[in-house]
């Protein structure tokens, strides 16, 4: 099995480009990856498809 885990948030976000499709888990604010979402906004990544 391929290990797809990332060592840091910066490393994970570096793999996401404009127009990417990403899946974000959680229910409402419970389990929501707030740091990931904030990082996407800070980096100005746009035209995402959120599943």
N, C-alpha and C. Protein backbone atom coordinates (compact mmCIF):
# COMPACT_ATOMS: atom_id res chain seq x y z
N UNK A 1 0.84 -1.17 0.00
CA UNK A 1 0.00 0.00 0.00
C UNK A 1 0.89 1.24 0.00
N UNK A 2 0.51 2.25 -0.76
CA UNK A 2 1.27 3.49 -0.85
C UNK A 2 0.95 4.37 0.35
N UNK A 3 2.00 4.89 1.01
CA UNK A 3 1.81 5.80 2.14
C UNK A 3 1.61 7.21 1.58
N UNK A 4 0.42 7.77 1.77
CA UNK A 4 0.11 9.10 1.25
C UNK A 4 0.09 10.15 2.35
N UNK A 5 0.58 9.82 3.54
CA UNK A 5 0.58 10.80 4.62
C UNK A 5 1.64 11.87 4.37
N UNK A 6 1.39 13.07 4.88
CA UNK A 6 2.30 14.20 4.72
C UNK A 6 2.87 14.57 6.08
N UNK A 7 4.12 15.04 6.09
CA UNK A 7 4.80 15.38 7.34
C UNK A 7 4.31 16.70 7.92
N UNK A 8 3.83 17.60 7.07
CA UNK A 8 3.41 18.91 7.58
C UNK A 8 2.29 19.47 6.71
N UNK A 9 1.63 20.49 7.24
CA UNK A 9 0.57 21.16 6.50
C UNK A 9 1.12 21.80 5.23
N UNK A 10 2.28 22.44 5.34
CA UNK A 10 2.90 23.10 4.18
C UNK A 10 3.18 22.08 3.08
N UNK A 11 3.69 20.92 3.46
CA UNK A 11 3.97 19.87 2.49
C UNK A 11 2.68 19.39 1.81
N UNK A 12 1.63 19.23 2.60
CA UNK A 12 0.35 18.78 2.04
C UNK A 12 -0.22 19.83 1.08
N UNK A 13 -0.18 21.09 1.48
CA UNK A 13 -0.75 22.14 0.65
C UNK A 13 0.05 22.37 -0.63
N UNK A 14 1.33 22.04 -0.61
CA UNK A 14 2.16 22.23 -1.80
C UNK A 14 1.73 21.32 -2.95
N UNK A 15 0.96 20.28 -2.64
CA UNK A 15 0.49 19.34 -3.66
C UNK A 15 -0.81 19.78 -4.32
N UNK A 16 -1.46 20.82 -3.77
CA UNK A 16 -2.76 21.26 -4.27
C UNK A 16 -2.57 22.46 -5.19
N UNK A 17 -3.11 22.36 -6.38
CA UNK A 17 -2.99 23.43 -7.37
C UNK A 17 -4.36 24.01 -7.68
N UNK A 18 -4.38 25.19 -8.30
CA UNK A 18 -5.64 25.78 -8.76
C UNK A 18 -6.37 24.75 -9.61
N UNK A 19 -7.68 24.65 -9.40
CA UNK A 19 -8.51 23.74 -10.18
C UNK A 19 -8.53 22.30 -9.69
N UNK A 20 -7.84 22.02 -8.58
CA UNK A 20 -7.82 20.66 -8.03
C UNK A 20 -9.18 20.28 -7.46
N UNK A 21 -9.41 18.98 -7.36
CA UNK A 21 -10.57 18.46 -6.66
C UNK A 21 -10.07 17.87 -5.35
N UNK A 22 -10.64 18.33 -4.23
CA UNK A 22 -10.23 17.82 -2.92
C UNK A 22 -11.47 17.41 -2.12
N UNK A 23 -11.27 16.48 -1.20
CA UNK A 23 -12.34 16.03 -0.34
C UNK A 23 -12.02 16.46 1.09
N UNK A 24 -12.99 17.12 1.72
CA UNK A 24 -12.81 17.58 3.10
C UNK A 24 -13.87 16.90 3.95
N UNK A 25 -13.43 16.19 4.98
CA UNK A 25 -14.35 15.48 5.86
C UNK A 25 -14.85 16.35 7.00
N UNK A 26 -15.70 15.77 7.81
CA UNK A 26 -16.24 16.45 8.98
C UNK A 26 -17.74 16.65 8.83
N UNK A 27 -18.37 17.05 9.92
CA UNK A 27 -19.80 17.33 9.92
C UNK A 27 -19.99 18.66 10.60
N UNK A 28 -20.32 19.68 9.83
CA UNK A 28 -20.39 21.02 10.40
C UNK A 28 -18.99 21.43 10.85
N UNK A 29 -18.88 21.88 12.09
CA UNK A 29 -17.56 22.26 12.60
C UNK A 29 -16.87 21.11 13.33
N UNK A 30 -17.57 19.99 13.51
CA UNK A 30 -16.96 18.85 14.19
C UNK A 30 -16.09 18.07 13.21
N UNK A 31 -14.83 17.98 13.50
CA UNK A 31 -13.91 17.24 12.64
C UNK A 31 -13.48 17.99 11.40
N UNK A 32 -13.87 19.25 11.30
CA UNK A 32 -13.49 20.07 10.15
C UNK A 32 -12.01 20.42 10.22
N UNK A 33 -11.25 20.23 9.14
CA UNK A 33 -9.81 20.54 9.15
C UNK A 33 -9.58 22.05 8.96
N UNK A 34 -9.80 22.83 10.02
CA UNK A 34 -9.73 24.29 9.94
C UNK A 34 -8.38 24.79 9.44
N UNK A 35 -7.28 24.18 9.90
CA UNK A 35 -5.96 24.64 9.47
C UNK A 35 -5.76 24.42 7.97
N UNK A 36 -6.26 23.32 7.46
CA UNK A 36 -6.17 23.04 6.02
C UNK A 36 -6.93 24.09 5.23
N UNK A 37 -8.15 24.38 5.63
CA UNK A 37 -8.97 25.36 4.93
C UNK A 37 -8.34 26.75 5.00
N UNK A 38 -7.85 27.13 6.18
CA UNK A 38 -7.17 28.43 6.33
C UNK A 38 -5.94 28.50 5.44
N UNK A 39 -5.20 27.41 5.35
CA UNK A 39 -4.00 27.37 4.50
C UNK A 39 -4.34 27.55 3.03
N UNK A 40 -5.41 26.92 2.58
CA UNK A 40 -5.85 27.08 1.19
C UNK A 40 -6.18 28.53 0.89
N UNK A 41 -6.85 29.19 1.83
CA UNK A 41 -7.22 30.59 1.66
C UNK A 41 -5.97 31.47 1.64
N UNK A 42 -5.07 31.25 2.59
CA UNK A 42 -3.84 32.05 2.68
C UNK A 42 -2.99 31.94 1.42
N UNK A 43 -2.92 30.75 0.84
CA UNK A 43 -2.11 30.55 -0.36
C UNK A 43 -2.80 31.04 -1.63
N UNK A 44 -4.07 31.39 -1.52
CA UNK A 44 -4.80 31.91 -2.68
C UNK A 44 -5.12 30.85 -3.72
N UNK A 45 -5.19 29.60 -3.29
CA UNK A 45 -5.54 28.51 -4.21
C UNK A 45 -7.01 28.67 -4.57
N UNK A 46 -7.31 28.66 -5.87
CA UNK A 46 -8.67 28.96 -6.31
C UNK A 46 -9.19 27.94 -7.30
N UNK A 47 -10.45 28.10 -7.65
CA UNK A 47 -11.14 27.23 -8.61
C UNK A 47 -11.13 25.77 -8.17
N UNK A 48 -11.25 25.55 -6.85
CA UNK A 48 -11.26 24.19 -6.32
C UNK A 48 -12.65 23.56 -6.46
N UNK A 49 -12.67 22.26 -6.61
CA UNK A 49 -13.91 21.49 -6.50
C UNK A 49 -13.82 20.79 -5.16
N UNK A 50 -14.73 21.14 -4.24
CA UNK A 50 -14.73 20.58 -2.89
C UNK A 50 -15.79 19.49 -2.82
N UNK A 51 -15.37 18.28 -2.42
CA UNK A 51 -16.29 17.14 -2.29
C UNK A 51 -16.50 16.89 -0.82
